[in-house]
């Protein structure tokens, strides 16, 4: 299912970091806030990820919306944060 909200540069999303199918945990979490930098489509973005550590923000490119890829995720995915 595609996202119903169109991502735009400057929006904040949550990114699950993965590399070659393995989750990347930083300070106990594999999900981190990120700012959308570039939009390829409603389901694919480039982001700058802010981890909870001393490293500078990392680039993640061509990150797919998590509901549009197979459940055996091989690379990082993004989703909208839940609203309370």
PDB file of N, CA and C in Angstrom:
ATOM      1  N   UNK A   1       0.845  -1.177   0.000  1.00  0.00           N
ATOM      2  CA  UNK A   1       0.000   0.000   0.000  1.00  0.00           C
ATOM      3  C   UNK A   1       0.890   1.238   0.000  1.00  0.00           C
ATOM      4  N   UNK A   2       0.630   2.174  -0.863  1.00  0.00           N
ATOM      5  CA  UNK A   2       1.397   3.410  -0.948  1.00  0.00           C
ATOM      6  C   UNK A   2       0.964   4.379   0.143  1.00  0.00           C
ATOM      7  N   UNK A   3       1.849   5.304   0.447  1.00  0.00           N
ATOM      8  CA  UNK A   3       1.519   6.325   1.427  1.00  0.00           C
ATOM      9  C   UNK A   3       0.493   7.288   0.844  1.00  0.00           C
ATOM     10  N   UNK A   4      -0.438   7.749   1.664  1.00  0.00           N
ATOM     11  CA  UNK A   4      -1.463   8.674   1.166  1.00  0.00           C
ATOM     12  C   UNK A   4      -1.002  10.125   1.270  1.00  0.00           C
ATOM     13  N   UNK A   5       0.047  10.370   2.036  1.00  0.00           N
ATOM     14  CA  UNK A   5       0.599  11.719   2.172  1.00  0.00           C
ATOM     15  C   UNK A   5       1.852  11.793   1.311  1.00  0.00           C
ATOM     16  N   UNK A   6       1.965  12.819   0.511  1.00  0.00           N
ATOM     17  CA  UNK A   6       3.143  12.969  -0.336  1.00  0.00           C
ATOM     18  C   UNK A   6       4.291  13.567   0.459  1.00  0.00           C
ATOM     19  N   UNK A   7       5.439  12.902   0.479  1.00  0.00           N
ATOM     20  CA  UNK A   7       6.589  13.477   1.171  1.00  0.00           C
ATOM     21  C   UNK A   7       7.120  14.689   0.408  1.00  0.00           C
ATOM     22  N   UNK A   8       7.626  15.654   1.133  1.00  0.00           N
ATOM     23  CA  UNK A   8       8.224  16.847   0.541  1.00  0.00           C
ATOM     24  C   UNK A   8       9.515  17.162   1.296  1.00  0.00           C
ATOM     25  N   UNK A   9      10.467  17.837   0.650  1.00  0.00           N
ATOM     26  CA  UNK A   9      11.704  18.197   1.339  1.00  0.00           C
ATOM     27  C   UNK A   9      11.412  18.964   2.630  1.00  0.00           C
ATOM     28  N   UNK A  10      12.127  18.601   3.682  1.00  0.00           N
ATOM     29  CA  UNK A  10      11.961  19.254   4.973  1.00  0.00           C
ATOM     30  C   UNK A  10      11.064  18.506   5.934  1.00  0.00           C
ATOM     31  N   UNK A  11      10.271  17.549   5.443  1.00  0.00           N
ATOM     32  CA  UNK A  11       9.395  16.759   6.328  1.00  0.00           C
ATOM     33  C   UNK A  11      10.226  15.791   7.140  1.00  0.00           C
ATOM     34  N   UNK A  12       9.754  15.493   8.336  1.00  0.00           N
ATOM     35  CA  UNK A  12      10.427  14.531   9.198  1.00  0.00           C
ATOM     36  C   UNK A  12       9.735  13.179   9.069  1.00  0.00           C
ATOM     37  N   UNK A  13      10.551  12.147   8.882  1.00  0.00           N
ATOM     38  CA  UNK A  13      10.074  10.768   8.788  1.00  0.00           C
ATOM     39  C   UNK A  13      10.921   9.919   9.729  1.00  0.00           C
ATOM     40  N   UNK A  14      10.531   8.668   9.929  1.00  0.00           N
ATOM     41  CA  UNK A  14      11.326   7.721  10.691  1.00  0.00           C
ATOM     42  C   UNK A  14      11.915   6.712   9.724  1.00  0.00           C
ATOM     43  N   UNK A  15      13.203   6.433   9.886  1.00  0.00           N
ATOM     44  CA  UNK A  15      13.904   5.512   8.993  1.00  0.00           C
ATOM     45  C   UNK A  15      14.409   4.319   9.795  1.00  0.00           C
ATOM     46  N   UNK A  16      14.090   3.111   9.298  1.00  0.00           N
ATOM     47  CA  UNK A  16      14.661   1.879   9.862  1.00  0.00           C
ATOM     48  C   UNK A  16      15.916   1.592   9.063  1.00  0.00           C
ATOM     49  N   UNK A  17      17.049   1.663   9.735  1.00  0.00           N
ATOM     50  CA  UNK A  17      18.325   1.457   9.063  1.00  0.00           C
ATOM     51  C   UNK A  17      18.609  -0.027   8.887  1.00  0.00           C
ATOM     52  N   UNK A  18      18.934  -0.417   7.642  1.00  0.00           N
ATOM     53  CA  UNK A  18      19.298  -1.795   7.320  1.00  0.00           C
ATOM     54  C   UNK A  18      20.403  -1.778   6.281  1.00  0.00           C
ATOM     55  N   UNK A  19      21.220  -2.807   6.340  1.00  0.00           N
ATOM     56  CA  UNK A  19      22.260  -2.979   5.331  1.00  0.00           C
ATOM     57  C   UNK A  19      22.373  -4.461   5.034  1.00  0.00           C
ATOM     58  N   UNK A  20      22.224  -4.828   3.776  1.00  0.00           N
ATOM     59  CA  UNK A  20      22.268  -6.224   3.337  1.00  0.00           C
ATOM     60  C   UNK A  20      21.333  -7.105   4.162  1.00  0.00           C
ATOM     61  N   UNK A  21      20.132  -6.602   4.448  1.00  0.00           N
ATOM     62  CA  UNK A  21      19.117  -7.368   5.146  1.00  0.00           C
ATOM     63  C   UNK A  21      19.225  -7.381   6.660  1.00  0.00           C
ATOM     64  N   UNK A  22      20.274  -6.819   7.211  1.00  0.00           N
ATOM     65  CA  UNK A  22      20.477  -6.790   8.669  1.00  0.00           C
ATOM     66  C   UNK A  22      20.174  -5.407   9.210  1.00  0.00           C
ATOM     67  N   UNK A  23      19.441  -5.354  10.325  1.00  0.00           N
ATOM     68  CA  UNK A  23      19.159  -4.072  10.971  1.00  0.00           C
ATOM     69  C   UNK A  23      20.444  -3.483  11.518  1.00  0.00           C
ATOM     70  N   UNK A  24      20.564  -2.161  11.428  1.00  0.00           N
ATOM     71  CA  UNK A  24      21.704  -1.447  11.992  1.00  0.00           C
ATOM     72  C   UNK A  24      21.217  -0.776  13.267  1.00  0.00           C
ATOM     73  N   UNK A  25      21.717  -1.239  14.395  1.00  0.00           N
ATOM     74  CA  UNK A  25      21.310  -0.683  15.694  1.00  0.00           C
ATOM     75  C   UNK A  25      22.325   0.354  16.141  1.00  0.00           C
ATOM     76  N   UNK A  26      21.836   1.519  16.522  1.00  0.00           N
ATOM     77  CA  UNK A  26      22.662   2.584  17.068  1.00  0.00           C
ATOM     78  C   UNK A  26      22.044   2.989  18.392  1.00  0.00           C
ATOM     79  N   UNK A  27      22.798   2.815  19.457  1.00  0.00           N
ATOM     80  CA  UNK A  27      22.325   3.138  20.801  1.00  0.00           C
ATOM     81  C   UNK A  27      21.015   2.405  21.116  1.00  0.00           C
ATOM     82  N   UNK A  28      20.923   1.148  20.671  1.00  0.00           N
ATOM     83  CA  UNK A  28      19.785   0.303  20.999  1.00  0.00           C
ATOM     84  C   UNK A  28      18.583   0.397  20.077  1.00  0.00           C
ATOM     85  N   UNK A  29      18.643   1.224  19.044  1.00  0.00           N
ATOM     86  CA  UNK A  29      17.485   1.376  18.162  1.00  0.00           C
ATOM     87  C   UNK A  29      17.892   1.264  16.699  1.00  0.00           C
ATOM     88  N   UNK A  30      17.007   0.669  15.897  1.00  0.00           N
ATOM     89  CA  UNK A  30      17.252   0.625  14.450  1.00  0.00           C
ATOM     90  C   UNK A  30      16.355   1.609  13.703  1.00  0.00           C
ATOM     91  N   UNK A  31      15.597   2.427  14.435  1.00  0.00           N
ATOM     92  CA  UNK A  31      14.708   3.426  13.820  1.00  0.00           C
ATOM     93  C   UNK A  31      15.089   4.813  14.326  1.00  0.00           C
ATOM     94  N   UNK A  32      15.258   5.749  13.386  1.00  0.00           N
ATOM     95  CA  UNK A  32      15.773   7.072  13.726  1.00  0.00           C
ATOM     96  C   UNK A  32      15.036   8.163  12.950  1.00  0.00           C
ATOM     97  N   UNK A  33      14.938   9.373  13.527  1.00  0.00           N
ATOM     98  CA  UNK A  33      14.324  10.472  12.794  1.00  0.00           C
ATOM     99  C   UNK A  33      15.217  10.901  11.632  1.00  0.00           C
ATOM    100  N   UNK A  34      14.569  11.344  10.570  1.00  0.00           N
ATOM    101  CA  UNK A  34      15.305  11.795   9.389  1.00  0.00           C
ATOM    102  C   UNK A  34      14.542  12.938   8.729  1.00  0.00           C
ATOM    103  N   UNK A  35      15.279  13.770   8.030  1.00  0.00           N
ATOM    104  CA  UNK A  35      14.676  14.862   7.264  1.00  0.00           C
ATOM    105  C   UNK A  35      14.728  14.490   5.790  1.00  0.00           C
ATOM    106  N   UNK A  36      13.591  14.622   5.119  1.00  0.00           N
ATOM    107  CA  UNK A  36      13.525  14.347   3.679  1.00  0.00           C
ATOM    108  C   UNK A  36      14.299  15.446   2.953  1.00  0.00           C
ATOM    109  N   UNK A  37      15.260  15.032   2.124  1.00  0.00           N
ATOM    110  CA  UNK A  37      16.072  15.990   1.363  1.00  0.00           C
ATOM    111  C   UNK A  37      15.663  16.059  -0.102  1.00  0.00           C
ATOM    112  N   UNK A  38      15.269  14.912  -0.638  1.00  0.00           N
ATOM    113  CA  UNK A  38      14.893  14.842  -2.044  1.00  0.00           C
ATOM    114  C   UNK A  38      13.809  13.780  -2.197  1.00  0.00           C
ATOM    115  N   UNK A  39      12.869  14.032  -3.105  1.00  0.00           N
ATOM    116  CA  UNK A  39      11.749  13.114  -3.312  1.00  0.00           C
ATOM    117  C   UNK A  39      11.817  12.554  -4.729  1.00  0.00           C
ATOM    118  N   UNK A  40      11.872  11.230  -4.830  1.00  0.00           N
ATOM    119  CA  UNK A  40      11.850  10.566  -6.140  1.00  0.00           C
ATOM    120  C   UNK A  40      10.412  10.287  -6.557  1.00  0.00           C
ATOM    121  N   UNK A  41       9.588   9.897  -5.572  1.00  0.00           N
ATOM    122  CA  UNK A  41       8.172   9.592  -5.814  1.00  0.00           C
ATOM    123  C   UNK A  41       7.472   9.602  -4.460  1.00  0.00           C
ATOM    124  N   UNK A  42       6.161   9.304  -4.448  1.00  0.00           N
ATOM    125  CA  UNK A  42       5.437   9.252  -3.167  1.00  0.00           C
ATOM    126  C   UNK A  42       6.006   8.193  -2.234  1.00  0.00           C
ATOM    127  N   UNK A  43       6.738   7.232  -2.788  1.00  0.00           N
ATOM    128  CA  UNK A  43       7.224   6.110  -1.994  1.00  0.00           C
ATOM    129  C   UNK A  43       8.742   6.001  -1.898  1.00  0.00           C
ATOM    130  N   UNK A  44       9.490   6.926  -2.504  1.00  0.00           N
ATOM    131  CA  UNK A  44      10.957   6.824  -2.517  1.00  0.00           C
ATOM    132  C   UNK A  44      11.567   8.201  -2.267  1.00  0.00           C
ATOM    133  N   UNK A  45      12.437   8.272  -1.234  1.00  0.00           N
ATOM    134  CA  UNK A  45      13.041   9.549  -0.841  1.00  0.00           C
ATOM    135  C   UNK A  45      14.530   9.386  -0.532  1.00  0.00           C
ATOM    136  N   UNK A  46      15.236  10.503  -0.536  1.00  0.00           N
ATOM    137  CA  UNK A  46      16.583  10.596   0.021  1.00  0.00           C
ATOM    138  C   UNK A  46      16.445  11.348   1.330  1.00  0.00           C
ATOM    139  N   UNK A  47      17.162  10.894   2.362  1.00  0.00           N
ATOM    140  CA  UNK A  47      17.017  11.487   3.687  1.00  0.00           C
ATOM    141  C   UNK A  47      18.376  11.692   4.345  1.00  0.00           C
ATOM    142  N   UNK A  48      18.364  12.552   5.346  1.00  0.00           N
ATOM    143  CA  UNK A  48      19.502  12.741   6.243  1.00  0.00           C
ATOM    144  C   UNK A  48      19.044  12.205   7.592  1.00  0.00           C
ATOM    145  N   UNK A  49      19.694  11.146   8.083  1.00  0.00           N
ATOM    146  CA  UNK A  49      19.265  10.432   9.286  1.00  0.00           C
ATOM    147  C   UNK A  49      20.056  10.925  10.499  1.00  0.00           C
ATOM    148  N   UNK A  50      19.323  11.185  11.583  1.00  0.00           N
ATOM    149  CA  UNK A  50      19.926  11.660  12.824  1.00  0.00           C
ATOM    150  C   UNK A  50      19.900  10.539  13.850  1.00  0.00           C
ATOM    151  N   UNK A  51      21.082   9.906  14.065  1.00  0.00           N
ATOM    152  CA  UNK A  51      21.195   8.829  15.033  1.00  0.00           C
ATOM    153  C   UNK A  51      21.438   9.414  16.421  1.00  0.00           C
ATOM    154  N   UNK A  52      21.166   8.606  17.439  1.00  0.00           N
ATOM    155  CA  UNK A  52      21.399   9.010  18.823  1.00  0.00           C
ATOM    156  C   UNK A  52      22.828   8.619  19.212  1.00  0.00           C
ATOM    157  N   UNK A  53      23.798   9.299  18.600  1.00  0.00           N
ATOM    158  CA  UNK A  53      25.205   9.074  18.923  1.00  0.00           C
ATOM    159  C   UNK A  53      26.003  10.326  18.563  1.00  0.00           C
ATOM    160  N   UNK A  54      27.307  10.234  18.631  1.00  0.00           N
ATOM    161  CA  UNK A  54      28.157  11.399  18.382  1.00  0.00           C
ATOM    162  C   UNK A  54      28.535  11.569  16.916  1.00  0.00           C
ATOM    163  N   UNK A  55      28.125  10.654  16.061  1.00  0.00           N
ATOM    164  CA  UNK A  55      28.451  10.721  14.640  1.00  0.00           C
ATOM    165  C   UNK A  55      27.603  11.781  13.937  1.00  0.00           C
ATOM    166  N   UNK A  56      28.115  12.348  12.845  1.00  0.00           N
ATOM    167  CA  UNK A  56      27.292  13.299  12.080  1.00  0.00           C
ATOM    168  C   UNK A  56      26.119  12.571  11.426  1.00  0.00           C
ATOM    169  N   UNK A  57      25.074  13.304  11.047  1.00  0.00           N
ATOM    170  CA  UNK A  57      23.938  12.671  10.370  1.00  0.00           C
ATOM    171  C   UNK A  57      24.411  11.920   9.124  1.00  0.00           C
ATOM    172  N   UNK A  58      23.768  10.805   8.834  1.00  0.00           N
ATOM    173  CA  UNK A  58      24.167   9.996   7.683  1.00  0.00           C
ATOM    174  C   UNK A  58      23.178  10.160   6.538  1.00  0.00           C
ATOM    175  N   UNK A  59      23.677  10.014   5.323  1.00  0.00           N
ATOM    176  CA  UNK A  59      22.838  10.051   4.131  1.00  0.00           C
ATOM    177  C   UNK A  59      22.286   8.671   3.861  1.00  0.00           C
ATOM    178  N   UNK A  60      21.030   8.600   3.516  1.00  0.00           N
ATOM    179  CA  UNK A  60      20.420   7.363   3.007  1.00  0.00           C
ATOM    180  C   UNK A  60      19.697   7.766   1.725  1.00  0.00           C
ATOM    181  N   UNK A  61      20.016   7.095   0.636  1.00  0.00           N
ATOM    182  CA  UNK A  61      19.427   7.449  -0.650  1.00  0.00           C
ATOM    183  C   UNK A  61      18.500   6.343  -1.143  1.00  0.00           C
ATOM    184  N   UNK A  62      17.522   6.762  -1.933  1.00  0.00           N
ATOM    185  CA  UNK A  62      16.539   5.835  -2.514  1.00  0.00           C
ATOM    186  C   UNK A  62      15.931   4.927  -1.449  1.00  0.00           C
ATOM    187  N   UNK A  63      15.403   5.548  -0.403  1.00  0.00           N
ATOM    188  CA  UNK A  63      14.785   4.823   0.707  1.00  0.00           C
ATOM    189  C   UNK A  63      13.297   4.651   0.382  1.00  0.00           C
ATOM    190  N   UNK A  64      12.837   3.410   0.389  1.00  0.00           N
ATOM    191  CA  UNK A  64      11.447   3.098   0.034  1.00  0.00           C
ATOM    192  C   UNK A  64      10.532   3.195   1.246  1.00  0.00           C
ATOM    193  N   UNK A  65       9.278   3.591   0.994  1.00  0.00           N
ATOM    194  CA  UNK A  65       8.244   3.585   2.030  1.00  0.00           C
ATOM    195  C   UNK A  65       8.046   2.144   2.470  1.00  0.00           C
ATOM    196  N   UNK A  66       7.996   1.886   3.770  1.00  0.00           N
ATOM    197  CA  UNK A  66       8.053   0.510   4.273  1.00  0.00           C
ATOM    198  C   UNK A  66       6.912  -0.387   3.814  1.00  0.00           C
ATOM    199  N   UNK A  67       5.751   0.141   3.489  1.00  0.00           N
ATOM    200  CA  UNK A  67       4.629  -0.707   3.052  1.00  0.00           C
ATOM    201  C   UNK A  67       4.679  -1.038   1.573  1.00  0.00           C
ATOM    202  N   UNK A  68       5.697  -0.545   0.851  1.00  0.00           N
ATOM    203  CA  UNK A  68       5.752  -0.790  -0.590  1.00  0.00           C
ATOM    204  C   UNK A  68       6.830  -1.793  -0.976  1.00  0.00           C
ATOM    205  N   UNK A  69       7.521  -2.352   0.015  1.00  0.00           N
ATOM    206  CA  UNK A  69       8.571  -3.331  -0.283  1.00  0.00           C
ATOM    207  C   UNK A  69       8.235  -4.664   0.361  1.00  0.00           C
ATOM    208  N   UNK A  70       8.912  -5.699  -0.083  1.00  0.00           N
ATOM    209  CA  UNK A  70       8.712  -7.034   0.484  1.00  0.00           C
ATOM    210  C   UNK A  70       9.028  -7.022   1.973  1.00  0.00           C
ATOM    211  N   UNK A  71       8.430  -7.924   2.708  1.00  0.00           N
ATOM    212  CA  UNK A  71       8.646  -7.964   4.158  1.00  0.00           C
ATOM    213  C   UNK A  71      10.039  -8.452   4.537  1.00  0.00           C
ATOM    214  N   UNK A  72      10.779  -9.057   3.611  1.00  0.00           N
ATOM    215  CA  UNK A  72      12.162  -9.429   3.911  1.00  0.00           C
ATOM    216  C   UNK A  72      13.079  -8.264   3.513  1.00  0.00           C
ATOM    217  N   UNK A  73      12.862  -7.141   4.170  1.00  0.00           N
ATOM    218  CA  UNK A  73      13.556  -5.899   3.843  1.00  0.00           C
ATOM    219  C   UNK A  73      15.060  -6.123   3.707  1.00  0.00           C
ATOM    220  N   UNK A  74      15.635  -5.662   2.619  1.00  0.00           N
ATOM    221  CA  UNK A  74      17.075  -5.792   2.438  1.00  0.00           C
ATOM    222  C   UNK A  74      17.782  -4.455   2.615  1.00  0.00           C
ATOM    223  N   UNK A  75      17.041  -3.360   2.543  1.00  0.00           N
ATOM    224  CA  UNK A  75      17.657  -2.048   2.726  1.00  0.00           C
ATOM    225  C   UNK A  75      16.763  -1.182   3.612  1.00  0.00           C
ATOM    226  N   UNK A  76      17.252   0.000   3.941  1.00  0.00           N
ATOM    227  CA  UNK A  76      16.525   0.893   4.839  1.00  0.00           C
ATOM    228  C   UNK A  76      15.161   1.260   4.269  1.00  0.00           C
ATOM    229  N   UNK A  77      14.198   1.506   5.159  1.00  0.00           N
ATOM    230  CA  UNK A  77      12.851   1.923   4.771  1.00  0.00           C
ATOM    231  C   UNK A  77      12.440   3.109   5.631  1.00  0.00           C
ATOM    232  N   UNK A  78      11.418   3.838   5.159  1.00  0.00           N
ATOM    233  CA  UNK A  78      10.927   4.969   5.938  1.00  0.00           C
ATOM    234  C   UNK A  78       9.432   4.831   6.167  1.00  0.00           C
ATOM    235  N   UNK A  79       8.952   5.563   7.200  1.00  0.00           N
ATOM    236  CA  UNK A  79       7.516   5.644   7.486  1.00  0.00           C
ATOM    237  C   UNK A  79       7.242   6.987   8.145  1.00  0.00           C
ATOM    238  N   UNK A  80       5.967   7.356   8.175  1.00  0.00           N
ATOM    239  CA  UNK A  80       5.578   8.570   8.878  1.00  0.00           C
ATOM    240  C   UNK A  80       5.549   8.298  10.377  1.00  0.00           C
ATOM    241  N   UNK A  81       5.957   9.266  11.205  1.00  0.00           N
ATOM    242  CA  UNK A  81       5.827   9.078  12.662  1.00  0.00           C
ATOM    243  C   UNK A  81       4.362   9.018  13.058  1.00  0.00           C
ATOM    244  N   UNK A  82       4.056   8.268  14.107  1.00  0.00           N
ATOM    245  CA  UNK A  82       2.679   8.229  14.589  1.00  0.00           C
ATOM    246  C   UNK A  82       2.338   9.550  15.258  1.00  0.00           C
ATOM    247  N   UNK A  83       1.103   9.952  15.102  1.00  0.00           N
ATOM    248  CA  UNK A  83       0.628  11.180  15.741  1.00  0.00           C
ATOM    249  C   UNK A  83      -0.182  10.828  16.959  1.00  0.00           C
ATOM    250  N   UNK A  84       0.013  11.608  18.023  1.00  0.00           N
ATOM    251  CA  UNK A  84      -0.771  11.324  19.232  1.00  0.00           C
ATOM    252  C   UNK A  84      -1.856  12.347  19.433  1.00  0.00           C
TER     253      UNK A  84
END
